[in-house]
Structures are given as C-alpha cells and as structure tokens.
Amino acid sequence: IKLKEANNGFTKDEIELAAAFLET
C-alpha cells in the first residue's frame, strides 16, 4: 500500500480523509 500525493484536484488532506473513511 502507498497513499497517493495530490492528484486530479484532490488535495493531500482530502486523500488522507478518503483513505481513513472510505478505505478504512
């Protein structure tokens, strides 16, 4: 597993939120 950097208009903070709550 590796978290993505900011991409496609999603910030790093939004990606971490999505990881925590959507890929829990």
PDB file of all heavy atoms in Angstrom:
ATOM      1  N   ILE A   1       0.833  -1.203   0.000  1.00  0.00           N
ATOM      2  CA  ILE A   1       0.000   0.000   0.000  1.00  0.00           C
ATOM      3  C   ILE A   1       0.870   1.255   0.000  1.00  0.00           C
ATOM      4  O   ILE A   1       1.897   1.313   0.685  1.00  0.00           O
ATOM      5  CB  ILE A   1      -0.901   0.028   1.262  1.00  0.00           C
ATOM      6  CG1 ILE A   1      -1.790  -1.219   1.317  1.00  0.00           C
ATOM      7  CG2 ILE A   1      -1.743   1.293   1.317  1.00  0.00           C
ATOM      8  CD1 ILE A   1      -2.826  -1.294   0.237  1.00  0.00           C
ATOM      9  N   LYS A   2       0.423   2.257  -0.747  1.00  0.00           N
ATOM     10  CA  LYS A   2       1.070   3.569  -0.700  1.00  0.00           C
ATOM     11  C   LYS A   2       0.021   4.634  -0.977  1.00  0.00           C
ATOM     12  O   LYS A   2      -0.706   4.544  -1.978  1.00  0.00           O
ATOM     13  CB  LYS A   2       2.207   3.674  -1.709  1.00  0.00           C
ATOM     14  CG  LYS A   2       2.934   5.017  -1.677  1.00  0.00           C
ATOM     15  CD  LYS A   2       4.235   5.008  -2.471  1.00  0.00           C
ATOM     16  CE  LYS A   2       3.997   4.981  -3.954  1.00  0.00           C
ATOM     17  NZ  LYS A   2       5.271   5.166  -4.715  1.00  0.00           N
ATOM     18  N   LEU A   3      -0.098   5.622  -0.099  1.00  0.00           N
ATOM     19  CA  LEU A   3      -1.039   6.722  -0.324  1.00  0.00           C
ATOM     20  C   LEU A   3      -0.579   7.571  -1.495  1.00  0.00           C
ATOM     21  O   LEU A   3       0.618   7.775  -1.706  1.00  0.00           O
ATOM     22  CB  LEU A   3      -1.149   7.607   0.923  1.00  0.00           C
ATOM     23  CG  LEU A   3      -1.949   7.077   2.112  1.00  0.00           C
ATOM     24  CD1 LEU A   3      -2.030   8.153   3.191  1.00  0.00           C
ATOM     25  CD2 LEU A   3      -3.342   6.641   1.705  1.00  0.00           C
ATOM     26  N   LYS A   4      -1.551   8.090  -2.236  1.00  0.00           N
ATOM     27  CA  LYS A   4      -1.253   8.962  -3.364  1.00  0.00           C
ATOM     28  C   LYS A   4      -0.942  10.374  -2.874  1.00  0.00           C
ATOM     29  O   LYS A   4      -1.406  10.814  -1.825  1.00  0.00           O
ATOM     30  CB  LYS A   4      -2.445   9.005  -4.322  1.00  0.00           C
ATOM     31  CG  LYS A   4      -2.696   7.717  -5.097  1.00  0.00           C
ATOM     32  CD  LYS A   4      -1.629   7.489  -6.136  1.00  0.00           C
ATOM     33  CE  LYS A   4      -1.922   6.302  -7.041  1.00  0.00           C
ATOM     34  NZ  LYS A   4      -3.008   6.550  -8.003  1.00  0.00           N
ATOM     35  N   GLU A   5      -0.175  11.080  -3.672  1.00  0.00           N
ATOM     36  CA  GLU A   5       0.008  12.515  -3.477  1.00  0.00           C
ATOM     37  C   GLU A   5      -1.201  13.229  -4.070  1.00  0.00           C
ATOM     38  O   GLU A   5      -2.100  12.603  -4.631  1.00  0.00           O
ATOM     39  CB  GLU A   5       1.310  12.975  -4.152  1.00  0.00           C
ATOM     40  CG  GLU A   5       2.575  12.343  -3.587  1.00  0.00           C
ATOM     41  CD  GLU A   5       2.822  12.712  -2.137  1.00  0.00           C
ATOM     42  OE1 GLU A   5       2.448  13.841  -1.738  1.00  0.00           O
ATOM     43  OE2 GLU A   5       3.382  11.876  -1.391  1.00  0.00           O
ATOM     44  N   ALA A   6      -1.254  14.555  -3.926  1.00  0.00           N
ATOM     45  CA  ALA A   6      -2.354  15.337  -4.507  1.00  0.00           C
ATOM     46  C   ALA A   6      -2.487  15.012  -5.995  1.00  0.00           C
ATOM     47  O   ALA A   6      -1.495  14.938  -6.714  1.00  0.00           O
ATOM     48  CB  ALA A   6      -2.104  16.818  -4.299  1.00  0.00           C
ATOM     49  N   ASN A   7      -3.721  14.801  -6.434  1.00  0.00           N
ATOM     50  CA  ASN A   7      -3.954  14.464  -7.850  1.00  0.00           C
ATOM     51  C   ASN A   7      -5.388  14.773  -8.232  1.00  0.00           C
ATOM     52  O   ASN A   7      -6.288  14.744  -7.388  1.00  0.00           O
ATOM     53  CB  ASN A   7      -3.623  12.987  -8.123  1.00  0.00           C
ATOM     54  CG  ASN A   7      -4.599  12.020  -7.451  1.00  0.00           C
ATOM     55  OD1 ASN A   7      -5.641  11.678  -7.997  1.00  0.00           O
ATOM     56  ND2 ASN A   7      -4.258  11.597  -6.225  1.00  0.00           N
ATOM     57  N   ASN A   8      -5.611  15.060  -9.496  1.00  0.00           N
ATOM     58  CA  ASN A   8      -6.943  15.251 -10.066  1.00  0.00           C
ATOM     59  C   ASN A   8      -7.817  16.209  -9.263  1.00  0.00           C
ATOM     60  O   ASN A   8      -9.036  16.012  -9.152  1.00  0.00           O
ATOM     61  CB  ASN A   8      -7.669  13.900 -10.214  1.00  0.00           C
ATOM     62  CG  ASN A   8      -7.068  13.051 -11.311  1.00  0.00           C
ATOM     63  OD1 ASN A   8      -6.031  12.422 -11.116  1.00  0.00           O
ATOM     64  ND2 ASN A   8      -7.685  13.050 -12.471  1.00  0.00           N
ATOM     65  N   GLY A   9      -7.207  17.249  -8.712  1.00  0.00           N
ATOM     66  CA  GLY A   9      -7.949  18.242  -7.953  1.00  0.00           C
ATOM     67  C   GLY A   9      -8.168  17.884  -6.495  1.00  0.00           C
ATOM     68  O   GLY A   9      -8.753  18.665  -5.744  1.00  0.00           O
ATOM     69  N   PHE A  10      -7.711  16.709  -6.057  1.00  0.00           N
ATOM     70  CA  PHE A  10      -7.829  16.296  -4.657  1.00  0.00           C
ATOM     71  C   PHE A  10      -6.539  16.644  -3.923  1.00  0.00           C
ATOM     72  O   PHE A  10      -5.445  16.284  -4.369  1.00  0.00           O
ATOM     73  CB  PHE A  10      -8.107  14.798  -4.545  1.00  0.00           C
ATOM     74  CG  PHE A  10      -9.411  14.381  -5.169  1.00  0.00           C
ATOM     75  CD1 PHE A  10      -9.430  13.733  -6.404  1.00  0.00           C
ATOM     76  CD2 PHE A  10     -10.616  14.660  -4.541  1.00  0.00           C
ATOM     77  CE1 PHE A  10     -10.627  13.363  -6.986  1.00  0.00           C
ATOM     78  CE2 PHE A  10     -11.822  14.285  -5.120  1.00  0.00           C
ATOM     79  CZ  PHE A  10     -11.830  13.643  -6.344  1.00  0.00           C
ATOM     80  N   THR A  11      -6.672  17.324  -2.792  1.00  0.00           N
ATOM     81  CA  THR A  11      -5.507  17.701  -2.007  1.00  0.00           C
ATOM     82  C   THR A  11      -4.997  16.514  -1.206  1.00  0.00           C
ATOM     83  O   THR A  11      -5.693  15.491  -1.050  1.00  0.00           O
ATOM     84  CB  THR A  11      -5.838  18.842  -1.042  1.00  0.00           C
ATOM     85  OG1 THR A  11      -6.763  18.356  -0.046  1.00  0.00           O
ATOM     86  CG2 THR A  11      -6.457  20.034  -1.777  1.00  0.00           C
ATOM     87  N   LYS A  12      -3.793  16.645  -0.659  1.00  0.00           N
ATOM     88  CA  LYS A  12      -3.229  15.588   0.179  1.00  0.00           C
ATOM     89  C   LYS A  12      -4.111  15.332   1.392  1.00  0.00           C
ATOM     90  O   LYS A  12      -4.343  14.172   1.778  1.00  0.00           O
ATOM     91  CB  LYS A  12      -1.814  15.989   0.627  1.00  0.00           C
ATOM     92  CG  LYS A  12      -1.100  14.955   1.482  1.00  0.00           C
ATOM     93  CD  LYS A  12      -0.810  13.676   0.723  1.00  0.00           C
ATOM     94  CE  LYS A  12       0.027  12.709   1.544  1.00  0.00           C
ATOM     95  NZ  LYS A  12       0.170  11.392   0.883  1.00  0.00           N
ATOM     96  N   ASP A  13      -4.655  16.392   2.003  1.00  0.00           N
ATOM     97  CA  ASP A  13      -5.535  16.230   3.164  1.00  0.00           C
ATOM     98  C   ASP A  13      -6.812  15.489   2.795  1.00  0.00           C
ATOM     99  O   ASP A  13      -7.294  14.635   3.553  1.00  0.00           O
ATOM    100  CB  ASP A  13      -5.878  17.589   3.767  1.00  0.00           C
ATOM    101  CG  ASP A  13      -4.703  18.211   4.520  1.00  0.00           C
ATOM    102  OD1 ASP A  13      -3.729  17.490   4.799  1.00  0.00           O
ATOM    103  OD2 ASP A  13      -4.775  19.420   4.815  1.00  0.00           O
ATOM    104  N   GLU A  14      -7.376  15.808   1.617  1.00  0.00           N
ATOM    105  CA  GLU A  14      -8.593  15.121   1.176  1.00  0.00           C
ATOM    106  C   GLU A  14      -8.320  13.647   0.897  1.00  0.00           C
ATOM    107  O   GLU A  14      -9.163  12.782   1.192  1.00  0.00           O
ATOM    108  CB  GLU A  14      -9.156  15.796  -0.069  1.00  0.00           C
ATOM    109  CG  GLU A  14      -9.787  17.148   0.202  1.00  0.00           C
ATOM    110  CD  GLU A  14     -10.201  17.874  -1.065  1.00  0.00           C
ATOM    111  OE1 GLU A  14      -9.552  17.674  -2.118  1.00  0.00           O
ATOM    112  OE2 GLU A  14     -11.172  18.650  -0.993  1.00  0.00           O
ATOM    113  N   ILE A  15      -7.159  13.346   0.369  1.00  0.00           N
ATOM    114  CA  ILE A  15      -6.801  11.957   0.084  1.00  0.00           C
ATOM    115  C   ILE A  15      -6.659  11.170   1.385  1.00  0.00           C
ATOM    116  O   ILE A  15      -7.111  10.023   1.489  1.00  0.00           O
ATOM    117  CB  ILE A  15      -5.511  11.910  -0.756  1.00  0.00           C
ATOM    118  CG1 ILE A  15      -5.817  12.395  -2.181  1.00  0.00           C
ATOM    119  CG2 ILE A  15      -4.911  10.517  -0.776  1.00  0.00           C
ATOM    120  CD1 ILE A  15      -4.607  12.723  -3.004  1.00  0.00           C
ATOM    121  N   GLU A  16      -6.063  11.786   2.403  1.00  0.00           N
ATOM    122  CA  GLU A  16      -5.940  11.099   3.696  1.00  0.00           C
ATOM    123  C   GLU A  16      -7.311  10.884   4.337  1.00  0.00           C
ATOM    124  O   GLU A  16      -7.561   9.827   4.942  1.00  0.00           O
ATOM    125  CB  GLU A  16      -5.020  11.892   4.625  1.00  0.00           C
ATOM    126  CG  GLU A  16      -3.563  11.827   4.191  1.00  0.00           C
ATOM    127  CD  GLU A  16      -2.591  11.883   5.361  1.00  0.00           C
ATOM    128  OE1 GLU A  16      -3.009  11.655   6.502  1.00  0.00           O
ATOM    129  OE2 GLU A  16      -1.416  12.152   5.102  1.00  0.00           O
ATOM    130  N   LEU A  17      -8.204  11.872   4.219  1.00  0.00           N
ATOM    131  CA  LEU A  17      -9.571  11.695   4.725  1.00  0.00           C
ATOM    132  C   LEU A  17     -10.263  10.543   4.004  1.00  0.00           C
ATOM    133  O   LEU A  17     -10.916   9.700   4.618  1.00  0.00           O
ATOM    134  CB  LEU A  17     -10.380  12.978   4.535  1.00  0.00           C
ATOM    135  CG  LEU A  17     -10.402  14.017   5.642  1.00  0.00           C
ATOM    136  CD1 LEU A  17     -11.394  15.117   5.292  1.00  0.00           C
ATOM    137  CD2 LEU A  17     -10.752  13.412   6.999  1.00  0.00           C
ATOM    138  N   ALA A  18     -10.136  10.528   2.688  1.00  0.00           N
ATOM    139  CA  ALA A  18     -10.766   9.463   1.901  1.00  0.00           C
ATOM    140  C   ALA A  18     -10.190   8.109   2.275  1.00  0.00           C
ATOM    141  O   ALA A  18     -10.923   7.110   2.373  1.00  0.00           O
ATOM    142  CB  ALA A  18     -10.574   9.735   0.412  1.00  0.00           C
ATOM    143  N   ALA A  19      -8.880   8.043   2.510  1.00  0.00           N
ATOM    144  CA  ALA A  19      -8.259   6.780   2.911  1.00  0.00           C
ATOM    145  C   ALA A  19      -8.826   6.302   4.245  1.00  0.00           C
ATOM    146  O   ALA A  19      -9.166   5.127   4.416  1.00  0.00           O
ATOM    147  CB  ALA A  19      -6.747   6.948   2.997  1.00  0.00           C
ATOM    148  N   ALA A  20      -8.955   7.228   5.205  1.00  0.00           N
ATOM    149  CA  ALA A  20      -9.428   6.867   6.543  1.00  0.00           C
ATOM    150  C   ALA A  20     -10.880   6.426   6.547  1.00  0.00           C
ATOM    151  O   ALA A  20     -11.249   5.481   7.256  1.00  0.00           O
ATOM    152  CB  ALA A  20      -9.233   8.045   7.496  1.00  0.00           C
ATOM    153  N   PHE A  21     -11.723   7.093   5.761  1.00  0.00           N
ATOM    154  CA  PHE A  21     -13.165   6.871   5.871  1.00  0.00           C
ATOM    155  C   PHE A  21     -13.766   6.076   4.715  1.00  0.00           C
ATOM    156  O   PHE A  21     -14.907   5.634   4.819  1.00  0.00           O
ATOM    157  CB  PHE A  21     -13.866   8.217   6.036  1.00  0.00           C
ATOM    158  CG  PHE A  21     -13.536   8.881   7.345  1.00  0.00           C
ATOM    159  CD1 PHE A  21     -12.518   9.820   7.437  1.00  0.00           C
ATOM    160  CD2 PHE A  21     -14.219   8.545   8.504  1.00  0.00           C
ATOM    161  CE1 PHE A  21     -12.193  10.414   8.660  1.00  0.00           C
ATOM    162  CE2 PHE A  21     -13.905   9.129   9.720  1.00  0.00           C
ATOM    163  CZ  PHE A  21     -12.884  10.062   9.798  1.00  0.00           C
ATOM    164  N   LEU A  22     -13.020   5.883   3.627  1.00  0.00           N
ATOM    165  CA  LEU A  22     -13.519   5.089   2.505  1.00  0.00           C
ATOM    166  C   LEU A  22     -12.711   3.811   2.283  1.00  0.00           C
ATOM    167  O   LEU A  22     -13.233   2.825   1.770  1.00  0.00           O
ATOM    168  CB  LEU A  22     -13.518   5.925   1.223  1.00  0.00           C
ATOM    169  CG  LEU A  22     -14.457   7.137   1.220  1.00  0.00           C
ATOM    170  CD1 LEU A  22     -14.268   7.958  -0.053  1.00  0.00           C
ATOM    171  CD2 LEU A  22     -15.920   6.703   1.356  1.00  0.00           C
ATOM    172  N   GLU A  23     -11.430   3.850   2.632  1.00  0.00           N
ATOM    173  CA  GLU A  23     -10.575   2.653   2.574  1.00  0.00           C
ATOM    174  C   GLU A  23     -10.093   2.342   3.989  1.00  0.00           C
ATOM    175  O   GLU A  23      -8.897   2.162   4.246  1.00  0.00           O
ATOM    176  CB  GLU A  23      -9.408   2.886   1.608  1.00  0.00           C
ATOM    177  CG  GLU A  23      -9.793   2.874   0.149  1.00  0.00           C
ATOM    178  CD  GLU A  23     -10.285   1.509  -0.337  1.00  0.00           C
ATOM    179  OE1 GLU A  23     -10.002   0.498   0.349  1.00  0.00           O
ATOM    180  OE2 GLU A  23     -10.935   1.452  -1.390  1.00  0.00           O
ATOM    181  N   THR A  24     -11.048   2.248   4.907  1.00  0.00           N
ATOM    182  CA  THR A  24     -10.732   2.170   6.332  1.00  0.00           C
ATOM    183  C   THR A  24      -9.908   0.941   6.677  1.00  0.00           C
ATOM    184  O   THR A  24      -8.962   1.024   7.473  1.00  0.00           O
ATOM    185  CB  THR A  24     -12.028   2.199   7.159  1.00  0.00           C
ATOM    186  OG1 THR A  24     -12.819   3.317   6.759  1.00  0.00           O
ATOM    187  CG2 THR A  24     -11.725   2.313   8.642  1.00  0.00           C
TER     188      THR A  24
END
